[in-house]
Amino acid sequence: MSTHALSTTLLAGLGATLILAGCAGMTDTERRVATGTGAGAATGAVIGSFSGSAGSGALIGAGVGAVGGYLYDQDQKKKGY
């Protein structure tokens, strides 16, 4: 892994940690969407860094993660959680 990819990964991990730390007063839906957004952004940044566009990857990943978090929330609500 190159130095740029490693620093991007660490930065994305730090961002995800900060997002998750701020979830104390949120509803279940807000927490799940925020978690999906942070995880998606981090994953997108890592994948995007391999093609030289970590920022675009993070934005796309954040969008996909937010939708995934919302869909997961709706599924959990149907199950009664």
PDB file of N, CA and C in Angstrom:
ATOM      1  N   MET A   1       0.858  -1.171   0.000  1.00  0.00           N
ATOM      2  CA  MET A   1       0.000   0.000   0.000  1.00  0.00           C
ATOM      3  C   MET A   1       0.899   1.227   0.000  1.00  0.00           C
ATOM      4  N   SER A   2       0.601   2.175  -0.842  1.00  0.00           N
ATOM      5  CA  SER A   2       1.416   3.384  -0.941  1.00  0.00           C
ATOM      6  C   SER A   2       1.176   4.298   0.261  1.00  0.00           C
ATOM      7  N   THR A   3       2.062   5.255   0.441  1.00  0.00           N
ATOM      8  CA  THR A   3       1.940   6.205   1.545  1.00  0.00           C
ATOM      9  C   THR A   3       0.656   7.014   1.419  1.00  0.00           C
ATOM     10  N   HIS A   4       0.311   7.404   0.193  1.00  0.00           N
ATOM     11  CA  HIS A   4      -0.918   8.174  -0.027  1.00  0.00           C
ATOM     12  C   HIS A   4      -2.152   7.346   0.349  1.00  0.00           C
ATOM     13  N   ALA A   5      -2.172   6.096  -0.062  1.00  0.00           N
ATOM     14  CA  ALA A   5      -3.318   5.235   0.245  1.00  0.00           C
ATOM     15  C   ALA A   5      -3.415   5.001   1.746  1.00  0.00           C
ATOM     16  N   LEU A   6      -2.275   4.820   2.404  1.00  0.00           N
ATOM     17  CA  LEU A   6      -2.274   4.609   3.842  1.00  0.00           C
ATOM     18  C   LEU A   6      -2.781   5.833   4.585  1.00  0.00           C
ATOM     19  N   SER A   7      -2.323   7.016   4.184  1.00  0.00           N
ATOM     20  CA  SER A   7      -2.782   8.239   4.854  1.00  0.00           C
ATOM     21  C   SER A   7      -4.264   8.479   4.592  1.00  0.00           C
ATOM     22  N   THR A   8      -4.729   8.151   3.393  1.00  0.00           N
ATOM     23  CA  THR A   8      -6.151   8.288   3.087  1.00  0.00           C
ATOM     24  C   THR A   8      -6.977   7.335   3.937  1.00  0.00           C
ATOM     25  N   THR A   9      -6.493   6.117   4.101  1.00  0.00           N
ATOM     26  CA  THR A   9      -7.186   5.130   4.927  1.00  0.00           C
ATOM     27  C   THR A   9      -7.265   5.592   6.368  1.00  0.00           C
ATOM     28  N   LEU A  10      -6.167   6.089   6.896  1.00  0.00           N
ATOM     29  CA  LEU A  10      -6.155   6.573   8.281  1.00  0.00           C
ATOM     30  C   LEU A  10      -7.077   7.768   8.467  1.00  0.00           C
ATOM     31  N   LEU A  11      -7.075   8.681   7.505  1.00  0.00           N
ATOM     32  CA  LEU A  11      -7.950   9.847   7.577  1.00  0.00           C
ATOM     33  C   LEU A  11      -9.416   9.428   7.516  1.00  0.00           C
ATOM     34  N   ALA A  12      -9.741   8.495   6.643  1.00  0.00           N
ATOM     35  CA  ALA A  12     -11.119   8.010   6.544  1.00  0.00           C
ATOM     36  C   ALA A  12     -11.539   7.307   7.831  1.00  0.00           C
ATOM     37  N   GLY A  13     -10.635   6.541   8.423  1.00  0.00           N
ATOM     38  CA  GLY A  13     -10.928   5.868   9.687  1.00  0.00           C
ATOM     39  C   GLY A  13     -11.168   6.857  10.814  1.00  0.00           C
ATOM     40  N   LEU A  14     -10.376   7.911  10.844  1.00  0.00           N
ATOM     41  CA  LEU A  14     -10.555   8.956  11.850  1.00  0.00           C
ATOM     42  C   LEU A  14     -11.903   9.643  11.669  1.00  0.00           C
ATOM     43  N   GLY A  15     -12.253   9.934  10.425  1.00  0.00           N
ATOM     44  CA  GLY A  15     -13.551  10.555  10.150  1.00  0.00           C
ATOM     45  C   GLY A  15     -14.705   9.671  10.587  1.00  0.00           C
ATOM     46  N   ALA A  16     -14.610   8.383  10.302  1.00  0.00           N
ATOM     47  CA  ALA A  16     -15.667   7.448  10.709  1.00  0.00           C
ATOM     48  C   ALA A  16     -15.770   7.380  12.229  1.00  0.00           C
ATOM     49  N   THR A  17     -14.628   7.398  12.910  1.00  0.00           N
ATOM     50  CA  THR A  17     -14.627   7.373  14.373  1.00  0.00           C
ATOM     51  C   THR A  17     -15.307   8.609  14.945  1.00  0.00           C
ATOM     52  N   LEU A  18     -15.008   9.768  14.382  1.00  0.00           N
ATOM     53  CA  LEU A  18     -15.638  11.006  14.862  1.00  0.00           C
ATOM     54  C   LEU A  18     -17.146  10.987  14.613  1.00  0.00           C
ATOM     55  N   ILE A  19     -17.558  10.465  13.484  1.00  0.00           N
ATOM     56  CA  ILE A  19     -18.989  10.375  13.183  1.00  0.00           C
ATOM     57  C   ILE A  19     -19.679   9.468  14.189  1.00  0.00           C
ATOM     58  N   LEU A  20     -19.091   8.315  14.452  1.00  0.00           N
ATOM     59  CA  LEU A  20     -19.703   7.366  15.373  1.00  0.00           C
ATOM     60  C   LEU A  20     -19.717   7.884  16.806  1.00  0.00           C
ATOM     61  N   ALA A  21     -18.731   8.675  17.176  1.00  0.00           N
ATOM     62  CA  ALA A  21     -18.672   9.211  18.541  1.00  0.00           C
ATOM     63  C   ALA A  21     -19.780  10.225  18.800  1.00  0.00           C
ATOM     64  N   GLY A  22     -20.302  10.847  17.774  1.00  0.00           N
ATOM     65  CA  GLY A  22     -21.333  11.863  17.945  1.00  0.00           C
ATOM     66  C   GLY A  22     -22.755  11.324  17.897  1.00  0.00           C
ATOM     67  N   CYS A  23     -22.937  10.030  18.032  1.00  0.00           N
ATOM     68  CA  CYS A  23     -24.254   9.409  17.866  1.00  0.00           C
ATOM     69  C   CYS A  23     -25.049   9.273  19.160  1.00  0.00           C
ATOM     70  N   ALA A  24     -24.601   9.847  20.267  1.00  0.00           N
ATOM     71  CA  ALA A  24     -25.221   9.598  21.558  1.00  0.00           C
ATOM     72  C   ALA A  24     -26.685  10.017  21.628  1.00  0.00           C
ATOM     73  N   GLY A  25     -27.058  11.175  21.108  1.00  0.00           N
ATOM     74  CA  GLY A  25     -28.425  11.648  21.245  1.00  0.00           C
ATOM     75  C   GLY A  25     -29.293  11.406  20.024  1.00  0.00           C
ATOM     76  N   MET A  26     -28.910  10.480  19.175  1.00  0.00           N
ATOM     77  CA  MET A  26     -29.637  10.265  17.930  1.00  0.00           C
ATOM     78  C   MET A  26     -30.666   9.141  18.059  1.00  0.00           C
ATOM     79  N   THR A  27     -31.645   9.182  17.183  1.00  0.00           N
ATOM     80  CA  THR A  27     -32.601   8.074  17.105  1.00  0.00           C
ATOM     81  C   THR A  27     -31.915   6.887  16.439  1.00  0.00           C
ATOM     82  N   ASP A  28     -32.560   5.730  16.495  1.00  0.00           N
ATOM     83  CA  ASP A  28     -31.998   4.549  15.843  1.00  0.00           C
ATOM     84  C   ASP A  28     -31.797   4.790  14.352  1.00  0.00           C
ATOM     85  N   THR A  29     -32.769   5.406  13.699  1.00  0.00           N
ATOM     86  CA  THR A  29     -32.668   5.672  12.262  1.00  0.00           C
ATOM     87  C   THR A  29     -31.483   6.588  11.975  1.00  0.00           C
ATOM     88  N   GLU A  30     -31.353   7.666  12.724  1.00  0.00           N
ATOM     89  CA  GLU A  30     -30.238   8.594  12.513  1.00  0.00           C
ATOM     90  C   GLU A  30     -28.897   7.914  12.726  1.00  0.00           C
ATOM     91  N   ARG A  31     -28.804   7.078  13.768  1.00  0.00           N
ATOM     92  CA  ARG A  31     -27.553   6.372  14.047  1.00  0.00           C
ATOM     93  C   ARG A  31     -27.193   5.407  12.923  1.00  0.00           C
ATOM     94  N   ARG A  32     -28.186   4.670  12.442  1.00  0.00           N
ATOM     95  CA  ARG A  32     -27.907   3.692  11.384  1.00  0.00           C
ATOM     96  C   ARG A  32     -27.521   4.366  10.071  1.00  0.00           C
ATOM     97  N   VAL A  33     -28.184   5.466   9.738  1.00  0.00           N
ATOM     98  CA  VAL A  33     -27.834   6.192   8.511  1.00  0.00           C
ATOM     99  C   VAL A  33     -26.448   6.823   8.650  1.00  0.00           C
ATOM    100  N   ALA A  34     -26.157   7.406   9.800  1.00  0.00           N
ATOM    101  CA  ALA A  34     -24.839   8.019  10.018  1.00  0.00           C
ATOM    102  C   ALA A  34     -23.729   6.974   9.974  1.00  0.00           C
ATOM    103  N   THR A  35     -23.976   5.818  10.571  1.00  0.00           N
ATOM    104  CA  THR A  35     -22.986   4.751  10.540  1.00  0.00           C
ATOM    105  C   THR A  35     -22.752   4.274   9.116  1.00  0.00           C
ATOM    106  N   GLY A  36     -23.827   4.089   8.366  1.00  0.00           N
ATOM    107  CA  GLY A  36     -23.693   3.694   6.968  1.00  0.00           C
ATOM    108  C   GLY A  36     -22.953   4.729   6.153  1.00  0.00           C
ATOM    109  N   THR A  37     -23.239   5.999   6.414  1.00  0.00           N
ATOM    110  CA  THR A  37     -22.559   7.081   5.698  1.00  0.00           C
ATOM    111  C   THR A  37     -21.063   7.084   5.995  1.00  0.00           C
ATOM    112  N   GLY A  38     -20.715   6.976   7.261  1.00  0.00           N
ATOM    113  CA  GLY A  38     -19.295   6.972   7.637  1.00  0.00           C
ATOM    114  C   GLY A  38     -18.550   5.772   7.084  1.00  0.00           C
ATOM    115  N   ALA A  39     -19.147   4.599   7.201  1.00  0.00           N
ATOM    116  CA  ALA A  39     -18.505   3.388   6.683  1.00  0.00           C
ATOM    117  C   ALA A  39     -18.384   3.451   5.164  1.00  0.00           C
ATOM    118  N   GLY A  40     -19.416   3.939   4.498  1.00  0.00           N
ATOM    119  CA  GLY A  40     -19.382   4.062   3.046  1.00  0.00           C
ATOM    120  C   GLY A  40     -18.345   5.061   2.584  1.00  0.00           C
ATOM    121  N   ALA A  41     -18.242   6.179   3.288  1.00  0.00           N
ATOM    122  CA  ALA A  41     -17.249   7.202   2.927  1.00  0.00           C
ATOM    123  C   ALA A  41     -15.834   6.667   3.102  1.00  0.00           C
ATOM    124  N   ALA A  42     -15.595   5.970   4.205  1.00  0.00           N
ATOM    125  CA  ALA A  42     -14.270   5.408   4.443  1.00  0.00           C
ATOM    126  C   ALA A  42     -13.913   4.368   3.385  1.00  0.00           C
ATOM    127  N   THR A  43     -14.837   3.486   3.099  1.00  0.00           N
ATOM    128  CA  THR A  43     -14.590   2.457   2.093  1.00  0.00           C
ATOM    129  C   THR A  43     -14.410   3.082   0.712  1.00  0.00           C
ATOM    130  N   GLY A  44     -15.255   4.041   0.380  1.00  0.00           N
ATOM    131  CA  GLY A  44     -15.147   4.718  -0.906  1.00  0.00           C
ATOM    132  C   GLY A  44     -13.835   5.467  -1.070  1.00  0.00           C
ATOM    133  N   ALA A  45     -13.360   6.080   0.019  1.00  0.00           N
ATOM    134  CA  ALA A  45     -12.086   6.806  -0.037  1.00  0.00           C
ATOM    135  C   ALA A  45     -10.930   5.855  -0.293  1.00  0.00           C
ATOM    136  N   VAL A  46     -10.961   4.704   0.360  1.00  0.00           N
ATOM    137  CA  VAL A  46      -9.897   3.720   0.159  1.00  0.00           C
ATOM    138  C   VAL A  46      -9.923   3.198  -1.272  1.00  0.00           C
ATOM    139  N   ILE A  47     -11.084   2.810  -1.741  1.00  0.00           N
ATOM    140  CA  ILE A  47     -11.196   2.295  -3.105  1.00  0.00           C
ATOM    141  C   ILE A  47     -10.844   3.388  -4.118  1.00  0.00           C
ATOM    142  N   GLY A  48     -11.341   4.588  -3.893  1.00  0.00           N
ATOM    143  CA  GLY A  48     -11.059   5.696  -4.796  1.00  0.00           C
ATOM    144  C   GLY A  48      -9.595   6.091  -4.830  1.00  0.00           C
ATOM    145  N   SER A  49      -8.891   5.893  -3.715  1.00  0.00           N
ATOM    146  CA  SER A  49      -7.479   6.271  -3.677  1.00  0.00           C
ATOM    147  C   SER A  49      -6.637   5.421  -4.630  1.00  0.00           C
ATOM    148  N   PHE A  50      -7.088   4.222  -4.917  1.00  0.00           N
ATOM    149  CA  PHE A  50      -6.344   3.369  -5.839  1.00  0.00           C
ATOM    150  C   PHE A  50      -6.423   3.892  -7.274  1.00  0.00           C
ATOM    151  N   SER A  51      -7.483   4.621  -7.580  1.00  0.00           N
ATOM    152  CA  SER A  51      -7.602   5.187  -8.927  1.00  0.00           C
ATOM    153  C   SER A  51      -7.237   6.671  -8.950  1.00  0.00           C
ATOM    154  N   GLY A  52      -6.808   7.203  -7.813  1.00  0.00           N
ATOM    155  CA  GLY A  52      -6.367   8.593  -7.754  1.00  0.00           C
ATOM    156  C   GLY A  52      -7.458   9.594  -7.453  1.00  0.00           C
ATOM    157  N   SER A  53      -8.640   9.144  -7.079  1.00  0.00           N
ATOM    158  CA  SER A  53      -9.729  10.080  -6.769  1.00  0.00           C
ATOM    159  C   SER A  53     -10.433   9.663  -5.481  1.00  0.00           C
ATOM    160  N   ALA A  54      -9.701   9.792  -4.367  1.00  0.00           N
ATOM    161  CA  ALA A  54     -10.239   9.402  -3.064  1.00  0.00           C
ATOM    162  C   ALA A  54     -11.455  10.238  -2.687  1.00  0.00           C
ATOM    163  N   GLY A  55     -11.448  11.523  -3.040  1.00  0.00           N
ATOM    164  CA  GLY A  55     -12.577  12.399  -2.709  1.00  0.00           C
ATOM    165  C   GLY A  55     -13.854  11.973  -3.385  1.00  0.00           C
ATOM    166  N   SER A  56     -13.773  11.672  -4.660  1.00  0.00           N
ATOM    167  CA  SER A  56     -14.963  11.207  -5.387  1.00  0.00           C
ATOM    168  C   SER A  56     -15.447   9.878  -4.835  1.00  0.00           C
ATOM    169  N   GLY A  57     -14.497   8.999  -4.543  1.00  0.00           N
ATOM    170  CA  GLY A  57     -14.860   7.706  -3.969  1.00  0.00           C
ATOM    171  C   GLY A  57     -15.556   7.865  -2.629  1.00  0.00           C
ATOM    172  N   ALA A  58     -15.064   8.810  -1.810  1.00  0.00           N
ATOM    173  CA  ALA A  58     -15.677   9.045  -0.503  1.00  0.00           C
ATOM    174  C   ALA A  58     -17.095   9.585  -0.645  1.00  0.00           C
ATOM    175  N   LEU A  59     -17.303  10.490  -1.588  1.00  0.00           N
ATOM    176  CA  LEU A  59     -18.648  11.040  -1.791  1.00  0.00           C
ATOM    177  C   LEU A  59     -19.622   9.978  -2.276  1.00  0.00           C
ATOM    178  N   ILE A  60     -19.192   9.191  -3.243  1.00  0.00           N
ATOM    179  CA  ILE A  60     -20.056   8.125  -3.754  1.00  0.00           C
ATOM    180  C   ILE A  60     -20.320   7.097  -2.655  1.00  0.00           C
ATOM    181  N   GLY A  61     -19.267   6.719  -1.929  1.00  0.00           N
ATOM    182  CA  GLY A  61     -19.419   5.758  -0.837  1.00  0.00           C
ATOM    183  C   GLY A  61     -20.335   6.258   0.260  1.00  0.00           C
ATOM    184  N   ALA A  62     -20.261   7.554   0.567  1.00  0.00           N
ATOM    185  CA  ALA A  62     -21.126   8.128   1.601  1.00  0.00           C
ATOM    186  C   ALA A  62     -22.588   8.043   1.184  1.00  0.00           C
ATOM    187  N   GLY A  63     -22.857   8.338  -0.085  1.00  0.00           N
ATOM    188  CA  GLY A  63     -24.232   8.246  -0.576  1.00  0.00           C
ATOM    189  C   GLY A  63     -24.770   6.829  -0.539  1.00  0.00           C
ATOM    190  N   VAL A  64     -23.959   5.906  -1.011  1.00  0.00           N
ATOM    191  CA  VAL A  64     -24.367   4.500  -1.011  1.00  0.00           C
ATOM    192  C   VAL A  64     -24.533   3.996   0.425  1.00  0.00           C
ATOM    193  N   GLY A  65     -23.612   4.394   1.311  1.00  0.00           N
ATOM    194  CA  GLY A  65     -23.698   3.983   2.713  1.00  0.00           C
ATOM    195  C   GLY A  65     -24.922   4.535   3.412  1.00  0.00           C
ATOM    196  N   ALA A  66     -25.282   5.776   3.112  1.00  0.00           N
ATOM    197  CA  ALA A  66     -26.478   6.377   3.723  1.00  0.00           C
ATOM    198  C   ALA A  66     -27.735   5.627   3.301  1.00  0.00           C
ATOM    199  N   VAL A  67     -27.828   5.311   2.019  1.00  0.00           N
ATOM    200  CA  VAL A  67     -28.983   4.555   1.535  1.00  0.00           C
ATOM    201  C   VAL A  67     -28.998   3.162   2.175  1.00  0.00           C
ATOM    202  N   GLY A  68     -27.831   2.534   2.237  1.00  0.00           N
ATOM    203  CA  GLY A  68     -27.742   1.215   2.866  1.00  0.00           C
ATOM    204  C   GLY A  68     -28.138   1.251   4.336  1.00  0.00           C
ATOM    205  N   GLY A  69     -27.681   2.276   5.055  1.00  0.00           N
ATOM    206  CA  GLY A  69     -28.043   2.414   6.466  1.00  0.00           C
ATOM    207  C   GLY A  69     -29.533   2.612   6.657  1.00  0.00           C
ATOM    208  N   TYR A  70     -30.148   3.388   5.770  1.00  0.00           N
ATOM    209  CA  TYR A  70     -31.589   3.622   5.857  1.00  0.00           C
ATOM    210  C   TYR A  70     -32.360   2.333   5.565  1.00  0.00           C
ATOM    211  N   LEU A  71     -31.944   1.606   4.539  1.00  0.00           N
ATOM    212  CA  LEU A  71     -32.627   0.345   4.204  1.00  0.00           C
ATOM    213  C   LEU A  71     -32.467  -0.677   5.324  1.00  0.00           C
ATOM    214  N   TYR A  72     -31.280  -0.715   5.934  1.00  0.00           N
ATOM    215  CA  TYR A  72     -31.065  -1.600   7.076  1.00  0.00           C
ATOM    216  C   TYR A  72     -31.983  -1.215   8.239  1.00  0.00           C
ATOM    217  N   ASP A  73     -32.113   0.082   8.484  1.00  0.00           N
ATOM    218  CA  ASP A  73     -32.999   0.557   9.543  1.00  0.00           C
ATOM    219  C   ASP A  73     -34.436   0.130   9.302  1.00  0.00           C
ATOM    220  N   GLN A  74     -34.898   0.284   8.077  1.00  0.00           N
ATOM    221  CA  GLN A  74     -36.279  -0.103   7.766  1.00  0.00           C
ATOM    222  C   GLN A  74     -36.484  -1.602   7.956  1.00  0.00           C
ATOM    223  N   ASP A  75     -35.484  -2.404   7.592  1.00  0.00           N
ATOM    224  CA  ASP A  75     -35.563  -3.845   7.783  1.00  0.00           C
ATOM    225  C   ASP A  75     -35.616  -4.195   9.271  1.00  0.00           C
ATOM    226  N   GLN A  76     -34.805  -3.523  10.080  1.00  0.00           N
ATOM    227  CA  GLN A  76     -34.790  -3.783  11.517  1.00  0.00           C
ATOM    228  C   GLN A  76     -36.119  -3.378  12.161  1.00  0.00           C
ATOM    229  N   LYS A  77     -36.713  -2.303  11.683  1.00  0.00           N
ATOM    230  CA  LYS A  77     -38.007  -1.880  12.222  1.00  0.00           C
ATOM    231  C   LYS A  77     -39.096  -2.881  11.898  1.00  0.00           C
ATOM    232  N   LYS A  78     -39.053  -3.467  10.704  1.00  0.00           N
ATOM    233  CA  LYS A  78     -40.027  -4.502  10.332  1.00  0.00           C
ATOM    234  C   LYS A  78     -39.907  -5.721  11.228  1.00  0.00           C
ATOM    235  N   LYS A  79     -38.681  -6.002  11.675  1.00  0.00           N
ATOM    236  CA  LYS A  79     -38.424  -7.145  12.555  1.00  0.00           C
ATOM    237  C   LYS A  79     -38.740  -6.822  14.012  1.00  0.00           C
ATOM    238  N   GLY A  80     -39.022  -5.562  14.297  1.00  0.00           N
ATOM    239  CA  GLY A  80     -39.372  -5.162  15.655  1.00  0.00           C
ATOM    240  C   GLY A  80     -38.201  -4.732  16.515  1.00  0.00           C
ATOM    241  N   TYR A  81     -37.075  -4.424  15.902  1.00  0.00           N
ATOM    242  CA  TYR A  81     -35.904  -3.988  16.668  1.00  0.00           C
ATOM    243  C   TYR A  81     -35.826  -2.514  16.743  1.00  0.00           C
TER     244      TYR A  81
END
